[in-house]
Every structure is written in C-alpha cells, then in structure tokens.
Amino acid sequence: MIIDLREANEGSMEFAQHLMSYFIDTETLLAEIHYQRQEKTLKLESIEGLGYANFKQNYPIYILTSAFVTHAAEFFSYTLQHFDRAAIIGRKTMGVSSLSQEFVINEWLTLKLPVALPINPITKSNWEGEGVIPDIDVDTKRSFETAYQHARNLIR
C-alpha cells in the first residue's frame, strides 16, 4: 500500500488516529498529548472495531512525504514508522508537532498558539524541529516510483 502525504499539512489528530487504527492493534497507545499550561495528558489509542482484525498485517506500507508535510500527517507518518508498520519515502517533513489553538482577538486578528505536544510511546519524543526522517531519502518527484519499485521487489 502506498499512502501519498506529499502535500498534506494541518489536519486532525483524531482523523490520523482513526486511520492508524486500521494498521495498529486495537487499544495500542499511539501518543500522549501533553497540554503545557493545564498539566493535563490525553492518551490517544488505536480505536477498537475499525477493521484492524480484517486487514492483512504482513503487507508493506509506504508513506510518501515532502518538506511541506506538517502536523497530523507527520503524526501519522512518525507513528507508523516507529511501530515498524510503514517505510517513509521522500523528504524530511517540516517538523511541526505542536498542537495549536486559535484565539480570536477581534474581527481582524486571530492568534494561533501552541498548547500541547504529542509524545510517542516508543521514542518518548516527537518530530518537533527535526521532522520525520525518511527511511529512503529521494526527491519528492521520484518517491512514488521508488515506493512502487520496492513493493514490486517484495512480491517477486
């Protein structure tokens, strides 16, 4: 399976959690979201009943990335990479892991401020500032062909 995230930015952590639940065993901790000011932690786990049991678990997954991938797409890529469920092909992502909240100041001004950070249960860290490092670093334009060739080589 090839998942193309080369132009993905922003997005919903909950949607990424939903998608990962097809690839990672039910009720597995995907991340702890640490809210900085509230001293609160939210645990994101893979969701039960979405289809994990119906997916073949030994097939390869390739995720295509670029330097423009941010937020939830990075969460999805980083998590599947560190659970050894996917190989990342393309370029290092932007490195924006902080979750933001919008504050409306007035009708002309809205501030978007970081309020929380996700922490991966395997690495005990995240991709902030560093990005998701690809397993195979290739030009973004060649990443699909590279993933396709790797997938074909596995079935030969």
N, C-alpha and C. Protein backbone atom coordinates (compact mmCIF):
# COMPACT_ATOMS: atom_id res chain seq x y z
N MET A 1 0.84 -1.16 0.00
CA MET A 1 0.00 0.00 0.00
C MET A 1 0.90 1.24 0.00
N ILE A 2 0.60 2.17 -0.87
CA ILE A 2 1.33 3.43 -0.93
C ILE A 2 0.37 4.55 -0.54
N ILE A 3 0.75 5.30 0.51
CA ILE A 3 -0.06 6.41 1.01
C ILE A 3 0.69 7.70 0.70
N ASP A 4 0.10 8.54 -0.12
CA ASP A 4 0.75 9.77 -0.57
C ASP A 4 0.36 10.95 0.31
N LEU A 5 1.30 11.40 1.14
CA LEU A 5 1.07 12.56 2.01
C LEU A 5 1.94 13.75 1.60
N ARG A 6 2.47 13.75 0.40
CA ARG A 6 3.42 14.78 -0.01
C ARG A 6 2.88 16.19 0.06
N GLU A 7 1.58 16.38 -0.02
CA GLU A 7 1.01 17.72 0.04
C GLU A 7 0.10 17.90 1.25
N ALA A 8 0.23 17.02 2.24
CA ALA A 8 -0.63 17.08 3.43
C ALA A 8 -0.05 18.03 4.47
N ASN A 9 -0.88 18.93 4.94
CA ASN A 9 -0.49 19.78 6.06
C ASN A 9 -1.72 20.03 6.92
N GLU A 10 -1.47 20.45 8.14
CA GLU A 10 -2.55 20.63 9.12
C GLU A 10 -3.25 19.30 9.35
N GLY A 11 -4.56 19.29 9.35
CA GLY A 11 -5.30 18.06 9.54
C GLY A 11 -5.65 17.80 10.99
N SER A 12 -6.36 16.74 11.21
CA SER A 12 -6.90 16.39 12.50
C SER A 12 -6.14 15.22 13.11
N MET A 13 -5.72 15.37 14.36
CA MET A 13 -5.06 14.27 15.07
C MET A 13 -6.04 13.11 15.23
N GLU A 14 -7.31 13.41 15.43
CA GLU A 14 -8.31 12.37 15.59
C GLU A 14 -8.49 11.57 14.29
N PHE A 15 -8.42 12.25 13.15
CA PHE A 15 -8.53 11.54 11.87
C PHE A 15 -7.31 10.65 11.67
N ALA A 16 -6.12 11.15 12.00
CA ALA A 16 -4.90 10.33 11.91
C ALA A 16 -5.01 9.12 12.84
N GLN A 17 -5.53 9.34 14.04
CA GLN A 17 -5.75 8.25 15.00
C GLN A 17 -6.70 7.21 14.38
N HIS A 18 -7.76 7.68 13.76
CA HIS A 18 -8.74 6.80 13.12
C HIS A 18 -8.06 5.95 12.04
N LEU A 19 -7.29 6.58 11.16
CA LEU A 19 -6.62 5.84 10.08
C LEU A 19 -5.59 4.84 10.62
N MET A 20 -4.82 5.25 11.62
CA MET A 20 -3.82 4.35 12.18
C MET A 20 -4.45 3.12 12.83
N SER A 21 -5.69 3.24 13.24
CA SER A 21 -6.37 2.12 13.89
C SER A 21 -6.60 0.94 12.94
N TYR A 22 -6.46 1.15 11.64
CA TYR A 22 -6.53 0.06 10.68
C TYR A 22 -5.21 -0.70 10.60
N PHE A 23 -4.12 -0.07 11.04
CA PHE A 23 -2.79 -0.65 10.88
C PHE A 23 -2.11 -1.05 12.17
N ILE A 24 -2.62 -0.57 13.30
CA ILE A 24 -2.01 -0.84 14.61
C ILE A 24 -3.05 -1.51 15.50
N ASP A 25 -2.63 -2.53 16.22
CA ASP A 25 -3.53 -3.33 17.03
C ASP A 25 -4.42 -2.48 17.93
N THR A 26 -5.63 -2.95 18.13
CA THR A 26 -6.65 -2.28 18.92
C THR A 26 -6.15 -1.89 20.31
N GLU A 27 -6.53 -0.67 20.72
CA GLU A 27 -6.23 -0.12 22.04
C GLU A 27 -4.74 -0.01 22.34
N THR A 28 -3.92 0.16 21.30
CA THR A 28 -2.49 0.41 21.46
C THR A 28 -2.29 1.91 21.63
N LEU A 29 -1.47 2.30 22.59
CA LEU A 29 -1.19 3.72 22.81
C LEU A 29 -0.40 4.27 21.61
N LEU A 30 -0.97 5.26 20.96
CA LEU A 30 -0.32 5.90 19.80
C LEU A 30 0.48 7.12 20.22
N ALA A 31 -0.03 7.87 21.19
CA ALA A 31 0.66 9.07 21.68
C ALA A 31 -0.01 9.55 22.95
N GLU A 32 0.76 10.25 23.74
CA GLU A 32 0.23 11.00 24.87
C GLU A 32 0.34 12.47 24.50
N ILE A 33 -0.78 13.18 24.57
CA ILE A 33 -0.80 14.60 24.25
C ILE A 33 -0.63 15.35 25.57
N HIS A 34 0.49 16.07 25.69
CA HIS A 34 0.78 16.82 26.92
C HIS A 34 0.41 18.29 26.72
N TYR A 35 -0.60 18.73 27.47
CA TYR A 35 -1.03 20.12 27.44
C TYR A 35 -0.15 20.91 28.40
N GLN A 36 0.53 21.92 27.89
CA GLN A 36 1.57 22.62 28.64
C GLN A 36 1.06 23.39 29.84
N ARG A 37 0.05 24.17 29.72
CA ARG A 37 -0.41 25.04 30.81
C ARG A 37 -1.36 24.33 31.76
N GLN A 38 -2.06 23.34 31.28
CA GLN A 38 -3.09 22.71 32.09
C GLN A 38 -2.59 21.50 32.88
N GLU A 39 -1.34 21.14 32.67
CA GLU A 39 -0.77 19.95 33.32
C GLU A 39 -1.71 18.76 33.15
N LYS A 40 -2.17 18.58 31.93
CA LYS A 40 -3.12 17.54 31.59
C LYS A 40 -2.53 16.70 30.46
N THR A 41 -2.84 15.39 30.48
CA THR A 41 -2.39 14.50 29.43
C THR A 41 -3.58 13.75 28.86
N LEU A 42 -3.64 13.68 27.54
CA LEU A 42 -4.67 12.93 26.85
C LEU A 42 -4.00 11.76 26.15
N LYS A 43 -4.51 10.56 26.34
CA LYS A 43 -3.95 9.38 25.69
C LYS A 43 -4.73 9.09 24.42
N LEU A 44 -4.00 8.99 23.29
CA LEU A 44 -4.62 8.61 22.03
C LEU A 44 -4.26 7.15 21.77
N GLU A 45 -5.28 6.30 21.67
CA GLU A 45 -5.07 4.88 21.41
C GLU A 45 -5.73 4.52 20.09
N SER A 46 -5.26 3.41 19.49
CA SER A 46 -5.93 2.92 18.30
C SER A 46 -7.34 2.49 18.71
N ILE A 47 -8.27 2.70 17.81
CA ILE A 47 -9.69 2.57 18.12
C ILE A 47 -10.17 1.15 17.82
N GLU A 48 -10.89 0.60 18.75
CA GLU A 48 -11.42 -0.75 18.61
C GLU A 48 -12.55 -0.79 17.58
N GLY A 49 -12.59 -1.88 16.82
CA GLY A 49 -13.71 -2.14 15.92
C GLY A 49 -13.66 -1.45 14.57
N LEU A 50 -12.52 -0.87 14.20
CA LEU A 50 -12.45 -0.18 12.91
C LEU A 50 -12.01 -1.07 11.76
N GLY A 51 -11.48 -2.22 12.05
CA GLY A 51 -11.09 -3.08 10.95
C GLY A 51 -9.69 -3.64 11.04
N TYR A 52 -8.96 -3.36 12.12
CA TYR A 52 -7.60 -3.89 12.25
C TYR A 52 -7.58 -5.40 12.03
N ALA A 53 -8.53 -6.11 12.61
CA ALA A 53 -8.57 -7.57 12.50
C ALA A 53 -8.83 -8.03 11.07
N ASN A 54 -9.41 -7.17 10.24
CA ASN A 54 -9.73 -7.54 8.86
C ASN A 54 -8.63 -7.18 7.87
N PHE A 55 -7.62 -6.44 8.31
CA PHE A 55 -6.53 -6.06 7.42
C PHE A 55 -5.41 -7.09 7.51
N LYS A 56 -4.85 -7.43 6.37
CA LYS A 56 -3.68 -8.31 6.34
C LYS A 56 -2.51 -7.53 6.95
N GLN A 57 -1.87 -8.09 7.96
CA GLN A 57 -0.88 -7.34 8.72
C GLN A 57 0.55 -7.47 8.22
N ASN A 58 0.81 -8.36 7.29
CA ASN A 58 2.20 -8.53 6.85
C ASN A 58 2.48 -7.92 5.48
N TYR A 59 1.63 -7.03 5.01
CA TYR A 59 1.90 -6.37 3.73
C TYR A 59 2.62 -5.06 3.98
N PRO A 60 3.44 -4.65 3.03
CA PRO A 60 4.22 -3.42 3.23
C PRO A 60 3.37 -2.16 3.02
N ILE A 61 3.69 -1.15 3.83
CA ILE A 61 3.06 0.17 3.69
C ILE A 61 4.18 1.17 3.44
N TYR A 62 4.01 1.98 2.42
CA TYR A 62 4.96 3.04 2.11
C TYR A 62 4.23 4.38 2.22
N ILE A 63 4.83 5.32 2.93
CA ILE A 63 4.25 6.65 3.07
C ILE A 63 5.16 7.63 2.37
N LEU A 64 4.61 8.38 1.42
CA LEU A 64 5.37 9.37 0.66
C LEU A 64 5.29 10.71 1.38
N THR A 65 6.44 11.34 1.59
CA THR A 65 6.49 12.61 2.31
C THR A 65 7.27 13.66 1.51
N SER A 66 7.12 14.90 1.97
CA SER A 66 7.86 16.02 1.38
C SER A 66 8.23 16.99 2.50
N ALA A 67 8.95 18.03 2.15
CA ALA A 67 9.34 19.04 3.13
C ALA A 67 8.16 19.90 3.59
N PHE A 68 6.99 19.74 2.97
CA PHE A 68 5.83 20.55 3.30
C PHE A 68 4.84 19.82 4.21
N VAL A 69 5.10 18.57 4.55
CA VAL A 69 4.20 17.79 5.40
C VAL A 69 4.31 18.29 6.84
N THR A 70 3.16 18.55 7.48
CA THR A 70 3.14 19.05 8.86
C THR A 70 2.07 18.36 9.69
N HIS A 71 2.09 18.65 10.97
CA HIS A 71 1.06 18.33 11.96
C HIS A 71 0.58 16.87 11.93
N ALA A 72 -0.72 16.66 11.67
CA ALA A 72 -1.32 15.33 11.76
C ALA A 72 -0.72 14.35 10.76
N ALA A 73 -0.33 14.83 9.59
CA ALA A 73 0.31 13.94 8.62
C ALA A 73 1.69 13.49 9.12
N GLU A 74 2.37 14.36 9.85
CA GLU A 74 3.63 13.97 10.47
C GLU A 74 3.38 12.97 11.59
N PHE A 75 2.34 13.20 12.38
CA PHE A 75 1.95 12.28 13.45
C PHE A 75 1.69 10.89 12.87
N PHE A 76 0.92 10.82 11.81
CA PHE A 76 0.60 9.56 11.15
C PHE A 76 1.88 8.87 10.67
N SER A 77 2.73 9.60 9.97
CA SER A 77 3.98 9.04 9.42
C SER A 77 4.93 8.59 10.51
N TYR A 78 5.17 9.46 11.48
CA TYR A 78 6.11 9.19 12.57
C TYR A 78 5.67 7.96 13.38
N THR A 79 4.37 7.89 13.67
CA THR A 79 3.86 6.80 14.48
C THR A 79 3.96 5.46 13.75
N LEU A 80 3.50 5.41 12.51
CA LEU A 80 3.58 4.15 11.76
C LEU A 80 5.03 3.74 11.52
N GLN A 81 5.92 4.70 11.33
CA GLN A 81 7.34 4.39 11.15
C GLN A 81 7.90 3.74 12.42
N HIS A 82 7.62 4.31 13.56
CA HIS A 82 8.20 3.81 14.81
C HIS A 82 7.51 2.57 15.36
N PHE A 83 6.34 2.25 14.85
CA PHE A 83 5.70 0.97 15.16
C PHE A 83 6.09 -0.10 14.14
N ASP A 84 7.04 0.24 13.26
CA ASP A 84 7.52 -0.66 12.20
C ASP A 84 6.39 -1.15 11.30
N ARG A 85 5.44 -0.27 11.02
CA ARG A 85 4.33 -0.61 10.13
C ARG A 85 4.47 0.04 8.77
N ALA A 86 5.36 1.03 8.63
CA ALA A 86 5.49 1.71 7.34
C ALA A 86 6.92 2.19 7.13
N ALA A 87 7.29 2.24 5.86
CA ALA A 87 8.56 2.85 5.46
C ALA A 87 8.23 4.23 4.89
N ILE A 88 9.02 5.21 5.28
CA ILE A 88 8.81 6.58 4.82
C ILE A 88 9.74 6.82 3.63
N ILE A 89 9.18 7.31 2.54
CA ILE A 89 9.94 7.55 1.31
C ILE A 89 9.70 8.98 0.86
N GLY A 90 10.77 9.70 0.59
CA GLY A 90 10.68 11.08 0.12
C GLY A 90 11.64 11.96 0.86
N ARG A 91 11.17 13.10 1.30
CA ARG A 91 12.00 14.09 2.00
C ARG A 91 11.58 14.22 3.46
N LYS A 92 12.49 14.74 4.25
CA LYS A 92 12.22 15.02 5.66
C LYS A 92 11.07 16.01 5.75
N THR A 93 10.16 15.76 6.69
CA THR A 93 8.99 16.63 6.84
C THR A 93 9.37 17.91 7.60
N MET A 94 8.40 18.80 7.75
CA MET A 94 8.65 20.13 8.28
C MET A 94 9.07 20.15 9.75
N GLY A 95 8.56 19.25 10.56
CA GLY A 95 8.95 19.22 11.97
C GLY A 95 8.09 20.07 12.88
N VAL A 96 6.76 20.06 12.62
CA VAL A 96 5.83 20.83 13.44
C VAL A 96 4.93 19.85 14.18
N SER A 97 5.25 19.59 15.44
CA SER A 97 4.44 18.63 16.19
C SER A 97 3.49 19.29 17.17
N SER A 98 3.71 20.56 17.46
CA SER A 98 2.87 21.21 18.47
C SER A 98 1.44 21.36 17.97
N LEU A 99 0.50 21.12 18.88
CA LEU A 99 -0.91 21.32 18.59
C LEU A 99 -1.27 22.74 18.97
N SER A 100 -2.03 23.40 18.12
CA SER A 100 -2.32 24.82 18.33
C SER A 100 -3.80 25.05 18.61
N GLN A 101 -4.05 26.19 19.20
CA GLN A 101 -5.42 26.64 19.44
C GLN A 101 -5.53 28.07 18.95
N GLU A 102 -6.64 28.37 18.30
CA GLU A 102 -6.87 29.73 17.81
C GLU A 102 -7.56 30.57 18.87
N PHE A 103 -7.09 31.79 19.01
CA PHE A 103 -7.69 32.76 19.92
C PHE A 103 -8.08 33.98 19.10
N VAL A 104 -9.37 34.30 19.07
CA VAL A 104 -9.85 35.45 18.33
C VAL A 104 -9.69 36.68 19.21
N ILE A 105 -8.87 37.60 18.72
CA ILE A 105 -8.62 38.84 19.46
C ILE A 105 -9.70 39.86 19.13
N ASN A 106 -9.94 40.05 17.85
CA ASN A 106 -11.03 40.90 17.38
C ASN A 106 -11.37 40.45 15.96
N GLU A 107 -12.21 41.19 15.26
CA GLU A 107 -12.63 40.75 13.93
C GLU A 107 -11.51 40.75 12.89
N TRP A 108 -10.37 41.39 13.20
CA TRP A 108 -9.25 41.46 12.26
C TRP A 108 -8.06 40.61 12.67
N LEU A 109 -8.05 40.14 13.90
CA LEU A 109 -6.85 39.46 14.41
C LEU A 109 -7.19 38.17 15.14
N THR A 110 -6.55 37.11 14.69
CA THR A 110 -6.65 35.81 15.33
C THR A 110 -5.25 35.30 15.58
N LEU A 111 -4.97 34.84 16.79
CA LEU A 111 -3.68 34.26 17.13
C LEU A 111 -3.81 32.74 17.19
N LYS A 112 -2.81 32.07 16.68
CA LYS A 112 -2.75 30.61 16.76
C LYS A 112 -1.53 30.28 17.61
N LEU A 113 -1.77 29.73 18.80
CA LEU A 113 -0.68 29.49 19.75
C LEU A 113 -0.55 28.01 20.05
N PRO A 114 0.69 27.52 20.22
CA PRO A 114 0.87 26.11 20.60
C PRO A 114 0.37 25.87 22.02
N VAL A 115 -0.35 24.77 22.21
CA VAL A 115 -0.90 24.46 23.53
C VAL A 115 -0.53 23.06 24.02
N ALA A 116 -0.08 22.18 23.11
CA ALA A 116 0.20 20.81 23.52
C ALA A 116 1.21 20.16 22.59
N LEU A 117 1.85 19.11 23.09
CA LEU A 117 2.80 18.33 22.30
C LEU A 117 2.48 16.85 22.41
N PRO A 118 2.49 16.13 21.28
CA PRO A 118 2.31 14.69 21.34
C PRO A 118 3.65 14.02 21.66
N ILE A 119 3.59 12.97 22.48
CA ILE A 119 4.79 12.20 22.81
C ILE A 119 4.55 10.76 22.37
N ASN A 120 5.45 10.24 21.55
CA ASN A 120 5.37 8.87 21.06
C ASN A 120 5.74 7.89 22.16
N PRO A 121 4.97 6.82 22.36
CA PRO A 121 5.27 5.88 23.45
C PRO A 121 6.54 5.06 23.22
N ILE A 122 7.00 4.96 22.01
CA ILE A 122 8.21 4.19 21.71
C ILE A 122 9.46 5.05 21.85
N THR A 123 9.44 6.24 21.21
CA THR A 123 10.63 7.10 21.21
C THR A 123 10.69 8.00 22.43
N LYS A 124 9.56 8.16 23.13
CA LYS A 124 9.44 9.10 24.27
C LYS A 124 9.75 10.53 23.83
N SER A 125 9.52 10.80 22.56
CA SER A 125 9.80 12.11 21.98
C SER A 125 8.79 12.35 20.86
N ASN A 126 9.13 13.28 19.96
CA ASN A 126 8.32 13.55 18.78
C ASN A 126 9.22 14.10 17.67
N TRP A 127 8.65 14.65 16.65
CA TRP A 127 9.37 15.11 15.47
C TRP A 127 9.58 16.62 15.47
N GLU A 128 9.28 17.30 16.57
CA GLU A 128 9.38 18.76 16.65
C GLU A 128 10.78 19.24 16.26
N GLY A 129 10.83 20.13 15.29
CA GLY A 129 12.08 20.75 14.85
C GLY A 129 12.93 19.87 13.95
N GLU A 130 12.78 18.57 14.05
CA GLU A 130 13.60 17.66 13.25
C GLU A 130 12.86 17.09 12.05
N GLY A 131 11.56 16.93 12.17
CA GLY A 131 10.77 16.33 11.11
C GLY A 131 10.82 14.82 11.18
N VAL A 132 10.03 14.21 10.32
CA VAL A 132 10.05 12.76 10.18
C VAL A 132 11.14 12.44 9.16
N ILE A 133 12.13 11.67 9.60
CA ILE A 133 13.27 11.35 8.74
C ILE A 133 12.89 10.16 7.87
N PRO A 134 12.99 10.30 6.55
CA PRO A 134 12.59 9.19 5.68
C PRO A 134 13.55 8.00 5.79
N ASP A 135 12.98 6.82 5.61
CA ASP A 135 13.80 5.60 5.53
C ASP A 135 14.57 5.59 4.22
N ILE A 136 13.94 6.12 3.18
CA ILE A 136 14.58 6.26 1.87
C ILE A 136 14.43 7.71 1.44
N ASP A 137 15.53 8.43 1.45
CA ASP A 137 15.54 9.85 1.13
C ASP A 137 15.73 10.03 -0.38
N VAL A 138 14.64 10.39 -1.06
CA VAL A 138 14.69 10.63 -2.50
C VAL A 138 13.92 11.90 -2.81
N ASP A 139 14.19 12.45 -3.97
CA ASP A 139 13.47 13.62 -4.44
C ASP A 139 11.96 13.32 -4.41
N THR A 140 11.20 14.28 -3.98
CA THR A 140 9.75 14.11 -3.84
C THR A 140 9.11 13.63 -5.15
N LYS A 141 9.60 14.11 -6.27
CA LYS A 141 9.04 13.73 -7.57
C LYS A 141 9.29 12.25 -7.89
N ARG A 142 10.31 11.66 -7.28
CA ARG A 142 10.66 10.26 -7.55
C ARG A 142 10.18 9.31 -6.46
N SER A 143 9.52 9.82 -5.43
CA SER A 143 9.16 8.97 -4.29
C SER A 143 8.14 7.90 -4.64
N PHE A 144 7.15 8.22 -5.48
CA PHE A 144 6.17 7.20 -5.85
C PHE A 144 6.83 6.05 -6.61
N GLU A 145 7.65 6.38 -7.58
CA GLU A 145 8.31 5.34 -8.37
C GLU A 145 9.21 4.49 -7.48
N THR A 146 9.88 5.12 -6.51
CA THR A 146 10.74 4.39 -5.59
C THR A 146 9.92 3.43 -4.73
N ALA A 147 8.81 3.89 -4.18
CA ALA A 147 7.94 3.04 -3.37
C ALA A 147 7.37 1.90 -4.20
N TYR A 148 6.94 2.21 -5.40
CA TYR A 148 6.38 1.19 -6.29
C TYR A 148 7.40 0.11 -6.59
N GLN A 149 8.63 0.52 -6.86
CA GLN A 149 9.69 -0.46 -7.16
C GLN A 149 9.99 -1.34 -5.95
N HIS A 150 10.04 -0.75 -4.78
CA HIS A 150 10.27 -1.53 -3.55
C HIS A 150 9.15 -2.54 -3.33
N ALA A 151 7.92 -2.11 -3.55
CA ALA A 151 6.77 -3.01 -3.38
C ALA A 151 6.83 -4.15 -4.39
N ARG A 152 7.16 -3.86 -5.64
CA ARG A 152 7.28 -4.90 -6.67
C ARG A 152 8.38 -5.89 -6.34
N ASN A 153 9.49 -5.40 -5.80
CA ASN A 153 10.60 -6.29 -5.45
C ASN A 153 10.20 -7.28 -4.35
N LEU A 154 9.29 -6.88 -3.47
CA LEU A 154 8.86 -7.77 -2.39
C LEU A 154 7.99 -8.91 -2.88
N ILE A 155 7.26 -8.70 -3.99
CA ILE A 155 6.39 -9.76 -4.47
C ILE A 155 7.03 -10.64 -5.52
N ARG A 156 8.26 -10.38 -5.86
CA ARG A 156 8.97 -11.22 -6.83
C ARG A 156 9.54 -12.42 -6.16
